[in-house]
Amino acid sequence: MNPNPELVDHNKQFQKQVIELAPDVYGAVGFAASNVYMLIGDEGLIIIDTTETTRAAENIRAEFRKISDKPVHTIIYTHSHRDHISGATVFAEGGSPEIIASDNFESDLVNVDPKHPTPGKVLMARTKRQFGMGLSFPEERVNIGLGPGDRPMEGMGAGFIAPTLSIAESRSTIARCGLSLELVKAPGETPDHLVVWLADKKVLFCGDNFYCSFPNLYAIRGTPYRDFTTWADSLDLLLEFNASVLAAGHTMPVIGADKIKEVLTDYRDAINHVVAKTVEGMNQQLGPDELAYTVSLPPSLAAKPHLKEFYGKVSWAVRAYFAGTLGWFDGNPTNLMRLSPAESAERTILLAGGVDALLKTLQQAAADEDHQWVLELSDHFIAANQKTDEAKTLKVASLRVLADREINATGRNYYLLSAREIEESIS
């Protein structure tokens, strides 16, 4: 394997360390997919977010205990994604800390209504592909885009504690352990985002409203629509704090008011640009396939390290915006009732002159290293159940080449784990 050098270099965002952000304020970076923050108060500790596994939480707790032995008084969840809420029992240490979250604390992973059927099996399969679960580190899984590739997985999702205090107001100020904290609703990657402002030390805990990558406006594991404009509006809200430290849910903290202003402004402008250009194309009656290849960030934004496509990707965002605002239909009447994949594949093979003729074309595409074309041609054979082993073998090889070219960690992981799954299906 020869992964994209920029993706390898991105690992500097996940160097395992505990960082002092301000007096009595610490952040644990690189121990897990998400960061954990500790605020030392008079009578106890306040923990912000708790990671995705109990083992990672144990490792972080051990590091925090080198700094303070005070009990954990309060835990705050910035939002309900599993990687932020699953180590709470570890930090509670058998006690009963207060657990604070937004009153709309809910996602596709937490508080799912049992009355409504959910595609849980396929969601889990796609989640494994997105995060490269089961891939070797560092040969295959370089990182996960917003966290290290070698994080511990024991106790995944096992340590969640339900909130005991739900925040209903858009802005609330609470006093805990001698600290004054402002809790502000700021929907972004999820609708239930709650950011924490420690005004006297000018530290802003922003959850996943910012991390060092183009934002994940659509996750390829499969997600409901994430409101792009609302996320951009929340970035304007974060700019108003004029913070000196931006403690992100993932990747390294951002230090310095000017730098924070730059990254939040760029993030907002990037989202707004994608929206504006996608809407412009939609109004020209372009479909998502066309828009995914025509909408891009302007060079001034695309060059910024914090907007590189390590986790989110512009073309995926464009497709998500189209589907989230207009739905699945692209406006072309041909697509109202397309042929089944199998029938379309059979007719394409016939049009190409038969199975052997198209197989030669597929083999030539592989020889020419035309790897996306290899994927598309091989799918015809698989759908038509013709020469499937040959087609799958060529598809696997191309998936692995495309993975090494990919700067996006989740795209790389998805290619590689899919390649493994296809290879295992070859008879």
Foldseek 3Di string as FASTA:
>chain_A
DFADVLLLVLCVQADFDWDDPDVQKIKTGNQALWIKIWHQFQQAIEIEFQFFFQVSSLVVVVVVVVVPPHAHAEYEYQAQDNGGFQNVQNSNVPHDHAYEFAPPRDFPVPPDDPVDDDPVVLLVVLVCLLLLPPDDPPVFQSQNLFHGNDHDDHGGSPRGDDHPYHDHDQWDWDADRNFIKIWHQQAFCHNGGIKIARLVQLEIEGEALFDQEQHAQDRRSDGAGTDLLSSLVSLVVVLVSLGQWYRYGTTDIDGGSVRSNVRSVLNSVQSVQLVVQLVVVVVVLAFLVVSLVVRDDPPVSCPDRSHHHQAHDSSVNSNSVCCNPVNDDSPDVCPPDDDDLQVVLVVVQVVQPHDVSLVVVLVVCLVVLVLVVLLVSLSSCVSNVHPNLSSLVSNLVSLQVVLNVDSHSSSNSNSNVVSVVSNVPRD
